[in-house]
Amino acid sequence: MIELRGVTKAFGETRVLRGVDLSVPRGTSMVVIGASGTGKSVLLKCVLGLVAPDAGEITVDGRDVRAGDRDAFLARFGMLFQGAALFDSLPVWQNVAFRLLRGALKRPRAEAREIAVEKLRRVGLSPDVADAYPAELSGGMQKRVGLARAIAADPEIIFFDEPTTGLDPIMAGVIDDLIREIVTEMGATAVAITHDMGSVRQIADRVAMLHDGVIKWTGPVDALDASGDPYVEQFIHGRADGPIAAVR
């Protein structure tokens, strides 16, 4: 579904992606792991076309991400942002239905609200939350609203940017369970980036290790502990010693 070949990206003298090769099969949940600052978020932005790579090729469903109708391309994606990234000035239902109230996916207001309430219900939030504002919700509830927004338009592909950051272990587990259930139900292709190894083991079908701008290892999640790769071994066990230098 998603293919990256030889993708590079630099910002000035800083080379972030140095030749990324990665395949994400249709209907698969891929989790990209790696230390902070290794380019995981830049990788997602390149796929979405928010950042233009300097070289290489990125295709989605066999088509170059830079070709064709931009609105139609983005309509295939849902995104759960780090920190939920909700609009403070909009009630919850309008946050969830944001894409359904404007642009190519625009629906009548009443229909958009109905869809929003249904998606809120799917992530475990009651209809009375629809008219609340983000500031009135807990961090875990805000994350659920962000997840409801990500699936509001029934996307084929969903990106998750650090989906459990800032959540306590119990709520992180709840969010991981919801992500796994929803991706499976929708048959969506999913790509997540996270440092949370609990999340990795819960939501991943496959895992890719990004370090120093390249994919060091990729394979099924059940092969993670026996990868034999020193970068993966150091990262998943949180060891100070190894090929990944700690930033001091």
C-alpha atoms as a PDB file:
ATOM      1  CA  MET A   1       0.000   0.000   0.000  1.00  0.00           C
ATOM      2  CA  ILE A   2       2.852   2.366   0.867  1.00  0.00           C
ATOM      3  CA  GLU A   3       6.300   2.095  -0.682  1.00  0.00           C
ATOM      4  CA  LEU A   4       9.379   4.250  -0.033  1.00  0.00           C
ATOM      5  CA  ARG A   5      12.498   3.741  -2.109  1.00  0.00           C
ATOM      6  CA  GLY A   6      15.730   5.635  -1.531  1.00  0.00           C
ATOM      7  CA  VAL A   7      13.984   8.547   0.191  1.00  0.00           C
ATOM      8  CA  THR A   8      16.284  11.309   1.404  1.00  0.00           C
ATOM      9  CA  LYS A   9      15.580  14.607   3.143  1.00  0.00           C
ATOM     10  CA  ALA A  10      17.870  17.259   4.562  1.00  0.00           C
ATOM     11  CA  PHE A  11      17.202  20.548   6.286  1.00  0.00           C
ATOM     12  CA  GLY A  12      20.203  22.709   5.556  1.00  0.00           C
ATOM     13  CA  GLU A  13      23.273  20.757   6.663  1.00  0.00           C
ATOM     14  CA  THR A  14      21.207  18.314   8.717  1.00  0.00           C
ATOM     15  CA  ARG A  15      20.562  15.083   6.830  1.00  0.00           C
ATOM     16  CA  VAL A  16      17.467  13.524   8.377  1.00  0.00           C
ATOM     17  CA  LEU A  17      16.533  10.753   5.935  1.00  0.00           C
ATOM     18  CA  ARG A  18      19.517   9.191   4.154  1.00  0.00           C
ATOM     19  CA  GLY A  19      17.927   6.622   1.871  1.00  0.00           C
ATOM     20  CA  VAL A  20      14.824   5.097   3.441  1.00  0.00           C
ATOM     21  CA  ASP A  21      13.467   1.899   1.913  1.00  0.00           C
ATOM     22  CA  LEU A  22      10.222   0.669   3.453  1.00  0.00           C
ATOM     23  CA  SER A  23       7.176  -1.299   2.310  1.00  0.00           C
ATOM     24  CA  VAL A  24       3.874  -1.303   4.189  1.00  0.00           C
ATOM     25  CA  PRO A  25       1.560  -4.065   2.895  1.00  0.00           C
ATOM     26  CA  ARG A  26      -2.145  -3.332   2.499  1.00  0.00           C
ATOM     27  CA  GLY A  27      -4.133  -3.971   5.665  1.00  0.00           C
ATOM     28  CA  THR A  28      -0.973  -4.188   7.806  1.00  0.00           C
ATOM     29  CA  SER A  29      -0.216  -2.260  10.991  1.00  0.00           C
ATOM     30  CA  MET A  30       3.391  -1.061  10.751  1.00  0.00           C
ATOM     31  CA  VAL A  31       5.104   0.598  13.720  1.00  0.00           C
ATOM     32  CA  VAL A  32       8.266   2.637  13.175  1.00  0.00           C
ATOM     33  CA  ILE A  33      10.531   2.812  16.218  1.00  0.00           C
ATOM     34  CA  GLY A  34      13.691   4.774  16.830  1.00  0.00           C
ATOM     35  CA  ALA A  35      15.275   7.334  19.110  1.00  0.00           C
ATOM     36  CA  SER A  36      14.085  10.938  19.198  1.00  0.00           C
ATOM     37  CA  GLY A  37      15.324  13.023  16.293  1.00  0.00           C
ATOM     38  CA  THR A  38      15.839  10.109  13.900  1.00  0.00           C
ATOM     39  CA  GLY A  39      13.288  11.380  11.367  1.00  0.00           C
ATOM     40  CA  LYS A  40      10.180   9.332  12.146  1.00  0.00           C
ATOM     41  CA  SER A  41       7.799  12.292  11.932  1.00  0.00           C
ATOM     42  CA  VAL A  42       9.563  13.601   8.822  1.00  0.00           C
ATOM     43  CA  LEU A  43       9.004  10.203   7.210  1.00  0.00           C
ATOM     44  CA  LEU A  44       5.230  10.474   7.800  1.00  0.00           C
ATOM     45  CA  LYS A  45       5.180  14.042   6.509  1.00  0.00           C
ATOM     46  CA  CYS A  46       6.949  12.955   3.328  1.00  0.00           C
ATOM     47  CA  VAL A  47       4.318  10.280   2.691  1.00  0.00           C
ATOM     48  CA  LEU A  48       1.543  12.833   3.219  1.00  0.00           C
ATOM     49  CA  GLY A  49       3.280  15.324   0.931  1.00  0.00           C
ATOM     50  CA  LEU A  50       3.633  17.912   3.700  1.00  0.00           C
ATOM     51  CA  VAL A  51       7.402  17.745   3.223  1.00  0.00           C
ATOM     52  CA  ALA A  52       8.978  17.183  -0.197  1.00  0.00           C
ATOM     53  CA  PRO A  53      11.810  14.614  -0.177  1.00  0.00           C
ATOM     54  CA  ASP A  54      15.062  15.614  -1.831  1.00  0.00           C
ATOM     55  CA  ALA A  55      15.351  12.298  -3.672  1.00  0.00           C
ATOM     56  CA  GLY A  56      13.710   8.910  -3.889  1.00  0.00           C
ATOM     57  CA  GLU A  57      10.231   7.674  -4.674  1.00  0.00           C
ATOM     58  CA  ILE A  58       7.112   7.373  -2.510  1.00  0.00           C
ATOM     59  CA  THR A  59       4.014   5.617  -3.802  1.00  0.00           C
ATOM     60  CA  VAL A  60       0.631   4.941  -2.233  1.00  0.00           C
ATOM     61  CA  ASP A  61      -1.370   2.158  -3.846  1.00  0.00           C
ATOM     62  CA  GLY A  62       1.092   2.264  -6.740  1.00  0.00           C
ATOM     63  CA  ARG A  63       0.769   6.000  -7.460  1.00  0.00           C
ATOM     64  CA  ASP A  64       3.332   8.704  -6.818  1.00  0.00           C
ATOM     65  CA  VAL A  65       2.237  10.820  -3.854  1.00  0.00           C
ATOM     66  CA  ARG A  66       2.999  14.009  -5.808  1.00  0.00           C
ATOM     67  CA  ALA A  67       0.750  13.113  -8.751  1.00  0.00           C
ATOM     68  CA  GLY A  68      -2.999  13.503  -9.203  1.00  0.00           C
ATOM     69  CA  ASP A  69      -5.704  15.283  -7.216  1.00  0.00           C
ATOM     70  CA  ARG A  70      -4.302  16.435  -3.876  1.00  0.00           C
ATOM     71  CA  ASP A  71      -7.660  16.550  -2.069  1.00  0.00           C
ATOM     72  CA  ALA A  72      -8.600  13.070  -3.262  1.00  0.00           C
ATOM     73  CA  PHE A  73      -5.212  11.775  -2.121  1.00  0.00           C
ATOM     74  CA  LEU A  74      -5.496  13.235   1.393  1.00  0.00           C
ATOM     75  CA  ALA A  75      -9.086  11.992   1.708  1.00  0.00           C
ATOM     76  CA  ARG A  76      -7.674   8.459   1.900  1.00  0.00           C
ATOM     77  CA  PHE A  77      -5.829   9.263   5.139  1.00  0.00           C
ATOM     78  CA  GLY A  78      -6.733   9.673   8.792  1.00  0.00           C
ATOM     79  CA  MET A  79      -4.279  11.042  11.354  1.00  0.00           C
ATOM     80  CA  LEU A  80      -4.045  10.834  15.131  1.00  0.00           C
ATOM     81  CA  PHE A  81      -1.668  13.611  16.104  1.00  0.00           C
ATOM     82  CA  GLN A  82       0.648  13.622  19.081  1.00  0.00           C
ATOM     83  CA  GLY A  83      -1.135  15.406  21.932  1.00  0.00           C
ATOM     84  CA  ALA A  84      -4.467  14.997  20.049  1.00  0.00           C
ATOM     85  CA  ALA A  85      -4.072  18.510  18.499  1.00  0.00           C
ATOM     86  CA  LEU A  86      -7.713  19.470  18.962  1.00  0.00           C
ATOM     87  CA  PHE A  87      -9.117  22.913  18.144  1.00  0.00           C
ATOM     88  CA  ASP A  88      -9.787  24.569  21.514  1.00  0.00           C
ATOM     89  CA  SER A  89     -12.437  26.923  20.120  1.00  0.00           C
ATOM     90  CA  LEU A  90     -14.589  24.152  18.626  1.00  0.00           C
ATOM     91  CA  PRO A  91     -16.858  21.756  20.517  1.00  0.00           C
ATOM     92  CA  VAL A  92     -15.873  18.105  20.452  1.00  0.00           C
ATOM     93  CA  TRP A  93     -18.296  17.066  17.726  1.00  0.00           C
ATOM     94  CA  GLN A  94     -17.002  19.739  15.357  1.00  0.00           C
ATOM     95  CA  ASN A  95     -13.445  18.578  16.057  1.00  0.00           C
ATOM     96  CA  VAL A  96     -14.418  15.026  15.139  1.00  0.00           C
ATOM     97  CA  ALA A  97     -16.376  16.124  12.074  1.00  0.00           C
ATOM     98  CA  PHE A  98     -13.836  18.748  10.977  1.00  0.00           C
ATOM     99  CA  ARG A  99     -13.218  17.148   7.572  1.00  0.00           C
ATOM    100  CA  LEU A 100     -16.910  16.415   7.099  1.00  0.00           C
ATOM    101  CA  LEU A 101     -17.869  20.070   7.465  1.00  0.00           C
ATOM    102  CA  ARG A 102     -15.637  21.381   4.668  1.00  0.00           C
ATOM    103  CA  GLY A 103     -13.788  20.487   1.496  1.00  0.00           C
ATOM    104  CA  ALA A 104     -14.202  17.445  -0.730  1.00  0.00           C
ATOM    105  CA  LEU A 105     -15.783  15.345   2.028  1.00  0.00           C
ATOM    106  CA  LYS A 106     -18.351  17.961   3.062  1.00  0.00           C
ATOM    107  CA  ARG A 107     -21.626  16.601   4.470  1.00  0.00           C
ATOM    108  CA  PRO A 108     -24.783  18.363   5.693  1.00  0.00           C
ATOM    109  CA  ARG A 109     -24.226  19.677   9.214  1.00  0.00           C
ATOM    110  CA  ALA A 110     -26.796  17.376  10.832  1.00  0.00           C
ATOM    111  CA  GLU A 111     -25.314  14.324   9.117  1.00  0.00           C
ATOM    112  CA  ALA A 112     -21.785  15.344  10.122  1.00  0.00           C
ATOM    113  CA  ARG A 113     -22.865  15.643  13.744  1.00  0.00           C
ATOM    114  CA  GLU A 114     -24.546  12.238  13.635  1.00  0.00           C
ATOM    115  CA  ILE A 115     -21.365  10.646  12.270  1.00  0.00           C
ATOM    116  CA  ALA A 116     -19.285  12.409  14.920  1.00  0.00           C
ATOM    117  CA  VAL A 117     -21.482  11.119  17.740  1.00  0.00           C
ATOM    118  CA  GLU A 118     -21.259   7.579  16.338  1.00  0.00           C
ATOM    119  CA  LYS A 119     -17.455   7.768  16.116  1.00  0.00           C
ATOM    120  CA  LEU A 120     -17.300   9.114  19.675  1.00  0.00           C
ATOM    121  CA  ARG A 121     -19.375   6.157  20.781  1.00  0.00           C
ATOM    122  CA  ARG A 122     -16.976   3.839  18.967  1.00  0.00           C
ATOM    123  CA  VAL A 123     -14.058   5.127  21.048  1.00  0.00           C
ATOM    124  CA  GLY A 124     -16.005   4.802  24.278  1.00  0.00           C
ATOM    125  CA  LEU A 125     -17.301   8.346  24.749  1.00  0.00           C
ATOM    126  CA  SER A 126     -20.961   9.114  25.431  1.00  0.00           C
ATOM    127  CA  PRO A 127     -23.027  11.476  23.225  1.00  0.00           C
ATOM    128  CA  ASP A 128     -23.078  14.186  25.912  1.00  0.00           C
ATOM    129  CA  VAL A 129     -19.338  14.710  25.304  1.00  0.00           C
ATOM    130  CA  ALA A 130     -20.153  15.986  21.802  1.00  0.00           C
ATOM    131  CA  ASP A 131     -21.017  19.504  22.991  1.00  0.00           C
ATOM    132  CA  ALA A 132     -18.157  19.817  25.477  1.00  0.00           C
ATOM    133  CA  TYR A 133     -14.958  21.694  24.649  1.00  0.00           C
ATOM    134  CA  PRO A 134     -11.507  20.038  24.635  1.00  0.00           C
ATOM    135  CA  ALA A 135     -10.379  21.941  27.741  1.00  0.00           C
ATOM    136  CA  GLU A 136     -13.187  20.269  29.701  1.00  0.00           C
ATOM    137  CA  LEU A 137     -11.828  16.790  28.963  1.00  0.00           C
ATOM    138  CA  SER A 138      -9.041  14.735  30.498  1.00  0.00           C
ATOM    139  CA  GLY A 139      -5.939  13.895  28.484  1.00  0.00           C
ATOM    140  CA  GLY A 140      -7.200  10.384  27.843  1.00  0.00           C
ATOM    141  CA  MET A 141     -10.571  11.662  26.644  1.00  0.00           C
ATOM    142  CA  GLN A 142      -8.881  14.173  24.352  1.00  0.00           C
ATOM    143  CA  LYS A 143      -6.829  11.364  22.839  1.00  0.00           C
ATOM    144  CA  ARG A 144     -10.023   9.393  22.214  1.00  0.00           C
ATOM    145  CA  VAL A 145     -11.562  12.424  20.503  1.00  0.00           C
ATOM    146  CA  GLY A 146      -8.454  12.643  18.328  1.00  0.00           C
ATOM    147  CA  LEU A 147      -8.885   8.972  17.429  1.00  0.00           C
ATOM    148  CA  ALA A 148     -12.571   9.523  16.615  1.00  0.00           C
ATOM    149  CA  ARG A 149     -11.554  12.389  14.298  1.00  0.00           C
ATOM    150  CA  ALA A 150      -8.951  10.173  12.614  1.00  0.00           C
ATOM    151  CA  ILE A 151     -11.590   7.590  11.667  1.00  0.00           C
ATOM    152  CA  ALA A 152     -14.502   9.978  11.003  1.00  0.00           C
ATOM    153  CA  ALA A 153     -14.214   9.737   7.221  1.00  0.00           C
ATOM    154  CA  ASP A 154     -13.521   5.961   7.208  1.00  0.00           C
ATOM    155  CA  PRO A 155     -10.003   6.329   5.772  1.00  0.00           C
ATOM    156  CA  GLU A 156      -8.067   3.558   4.047  1.00  0.00           C
ATOM    157  CA  ILE A 157      -4.814   4.565   5.749  1.00  0.00           C
ATOM    158  CA  ILE A 158      -4.358   5.827   9.311  1.00  0.00           C
ATOM    159  CA  PHE A 159      -1.217   7.408  10.785  1.00  0.00           C
ATOM    160  CA  PHE A 160      -0.613   7.490  14.537  1.00  0.00           C
ATOM    161  CA  ASP A 161       2.011   9.914  15.848  1.00  0.00           C
ATOM    162  CA  GLU A 162       3.057   8.868  19.377  1.00  0.00           C
ATOM    163  CA  PRO A 163      -0.510   7.772  20.250  1.00  0.00           C
ATOM    164  CA  THR A 164       0.122   7.154  23.978  1.00  0.00           C
ATOM    165  CA  THR A 165       2.501  10.002  24.836  1.00  0.00           C
ATOM    166  CA  GLY A 166       1.535  11.699  28.103  1.00  0.00           C
ATOM    167  CA  LEU A 167      -0.960   9.031  29.160  1.00  0.00           C
ATOM    168  CA  ASP A 168      -0.793   6.879  32.263  1.00  0.00           C
ATOM    169  CA  PRO A 169      -0.132   3.145  31.676  1.00  0.00           C
ATOM    170  CA  ILE A 170      -3.785   2.146  32.060  1.00  0.00           C
ATOM    171  CA  MET A 171      -5.101   4.757  29.623  1.00  0.00           C
ATOM    172  CA  ALA A 172      -2.246   3.987  27.241  1.00  0.00           C
ATOM    173  CA  GLY A 173      -3.400   0.370  27.242  1.00  0.00           C
ATOM    174  CA  VAL A 174      -6.982   1.452  26.544  1.00  0.00           C
ATOM    175  CA  ILE A 175      -5.877   3.577  23.574  1.00  0.00           C
ATOM    176  CA  ASP A 176      -3.705   0.749  22.232  1.00  0.00           C
ATOM    177  CA  ASP A 177      -6.644  -1.666  22.439  1.00  0.00           C
ATOM    178  CA  LEU A 178      -8.899   0.802  20.628  1.00  0.00           C
ATOM    179  CA  ILE A 179      -6.337   1.347  17.877  1.00  0.00           C
ATOM    180  CA  ARG A 180      -5.909  -2.376  17.346  1.00  0.00           C
ATOM    181  CA  GLU A 181      -9.670  -3.015  17.287  1.00  0.00           C
ATOM    182  CA  ILE A 182     -10.470  -0.130  14.956  1.00  0.00           C
ATOM    183  CA  VAL A 183      -7.679  -0.869  12.474  1.00  0.00           C
ATOM    184  CA  THR A 184      -8.758  -4.516  12.343  1.00  0.00           C
ATOM    185  CA  GLU A 185     -12.459  -3.662  11.945  1.00  0.00           C
ATOM    186  CA  MET A 186     -11.820  -1.131   9.184  1.00  0.00           C
ATOM    187  CA  GLY A 187      -9.257  -3.254   7.372  1.00  0.00           C
ATOM    188  CA  ALA A 188      -7.131  -0.130   7.223  1.00  0.00           C
ATOM    189  CA  THR A 189      -3.426   0.139   6.561  1.00  0.00           C
ATOM    190  CA  ALA A 190      -1.822   1.735   9.617  1.00  0.00           C
ATOM    191  CA  VAL A 191       1.546   3.343  10.324  1.00  0.00           C
ATOM    192  CA  ALA A 192       2.439   4.410  13.866  1.00  0.00           C
ATOM    193  CA  ILE A 193       5.540   5.985  15.326  1.00  0.00           C
ATOM    194  CA  THR A 194       6.196   5.488  19.007  1.00  0.00           C
ATOM    195  CA  HIS A 195       8.816   5.055  21.731  1.00  0.00           C
ATOM    196  CA  ASP A 196       6.429   2.975  23.844  1.00  0.00           C
ATOM    197  CA  MET A 197       7.388  -0.684  23.516  1.00  0.00           C
ATOM    198  CA  GLY A 198       4.104  -1.707  25.149  1.00  0.00           C
ATOM    199  CA  SER A 199       2.276   0.020  22.302  1.00  0.00           C
ATOM    200  CA  VAL A 200       4.540  -1.594  19.731  1.00  0.00           C
ATOM    201  CA  ARG A 201       3.706  -5.079  20.943  1.00  0.00           C
ATOM    202  CA  GLN A 202       0.006  -4.290  21.175  1.00  0.00           C
ATOM    203  CA  ILE A 203      -0.695  -2.602  17.841  1.00  0.00           C
ATOM    204  CA  ALA A 204       2.016  -3.778  15.421  1.00  0.00           C
ATOM    205  CA  ASP A 205       1.921  -6.513  12.811  1.00  0.00           C
ATOM    206  CA  ARG A 206       5.344  -5.427  11.585  1.00  0.00           C
ATOM    207  CA  VAL A 207       8.075  -3.216  13.023  1.00  0.00           C
ATOM    208  CA  ALA A 208      10.723  -1.059  11.348  1.00  0.00           C
ATOM    209  CA  MET A 209      13.739   0.386  13.164  1.00  0.00           C
ATOM    210  CA  LEU A 210      14.794   3.833  11.887  1.00  0.00           C
ATOM    211  CA  HIS A 211      18.218   5.076  12.896  1.00  0.00           C
ATOM    212  CA  ASP A 212      20.599   7.596  11.381  1.00  0.00           C
ATOM    213  CA  GLY A 213      18.196   8.183   8.505  1.00  0.00           C
ATOM    214  CA  VAL A 214      17.895   4.584   7.296  1.00  0.00           C
ATOM    215  CA  ILE A 215      15.833   1.511   8.160  1.00  0.00           C
ATOM    216  CA  LYS A 216      18.173  -0.765  10.124  1.00  0.00           C
ATOM    217  CA  TRP A 217      15.753  -3.676  10.502  1.00  0.00           C
ATOM    218  CA  THR A 218      12.196  -4.584   9.634  1.00  0.00           C
ATOM    219  CA  GLY A 219      10.193  -7.690  10.384  1.00  0.00           C
ATOM    220  CA  PRO A 220       7.141  -9.145  12.110  1.00  0.00           C
ATOM    221  CA  VAL A 221       6.548  -8.021  15.689  1.00  0.00           C
ATOM    222  CA  ASP A 222       6.920 -11.564  17.012  1.00  0.00           C
ATOM    223  CA  ALA A 223      10.488 -11.615  15.645  1.00  0.00           C
ATOM    224  CA  LEU A 224      11.439  -8.418  17.474  1.00  0.00           C
ATOM    225  CA  ASP A 225      13.071 -10.065  20.478  1.00  0.00           C
ATOM    226  CA  ALA A 226      15.127 -12.383  18.277  1.00  0.00           C
ATOM    227  CA  SER A 227      16.058  -9.801  15.635  1.00  0.00           C
ATOM    228  CA  GLY A 228      19.791 -10.119  16.260  1.00  0.00           C
ATOM    229  CA  ASP A 229      20.154  -6.467  15.281  1.00  0.00           C
ATOM    230  CA  PRO A 230      22.243  -4.452  17.785  1.00  0.00           C
ATOM    231  CA  TYR A 231      20.227  -1.256  17.215  1.00  0.00           C
ATOM    232  CA  VAL A 232      16.925  -3.033  17.843  1.00  0.00           C
ATOM    233  CA  GLU A 233      18.332  -4.898  20.857  1.00  0.00           C
ATOM    234  CA  GLN A 234      19.568  -1.708  22.499  1.00  0.00           C
ATOM    235  CA  PHE A 235      16.366   0.213  21.792  1.00  0.00           C
ATOM    236  CA  ILE A 236      13.802  -2.348  22.935  1.00  0.00           C
ATOM    237  CA  HIS A 237      15.699  -3.053  26.158  1.00  0.00           C
ATOM    238  CA  GLY A 238      16.523   0.605  26.865  1.00  0.00           C
ATOM    239  CA  ARG A 239      20.226  -0.024  27.310  1.00  0.00           C
ATOM    240  CA  ALA A 240      22.647   2.890  27.688  1.00  0.00           C
ATOM    241  CA  ASP A 241      25.451   0.965  25.982  1.00  0.00           C
ATOM    242  CA  GLY A 242      25.254   0.106  22.311  1.00  0.00           C
ATOM    243  CA  PRO A 243      25.507   1.571  18.813  1.00  0.00           C
ATOM    244  CA  ILE A 244      22.851   4.224  19.537  1.00  0.00           C
ATOM    245  CA  ALA A 245      24.631   7.103  21.242  1.00  0.00           C
ATOM    246  CA  ALA A 246      22.699   8.851  23.993  1.00  0.00           C
ATOM    247  CA  VAL A 247      22.255  12.608  23.573  1.00  0.00           C
ATOM    248  CA  ARG A 248      23.931  14.336  26.509  1.00  0.00           C
END
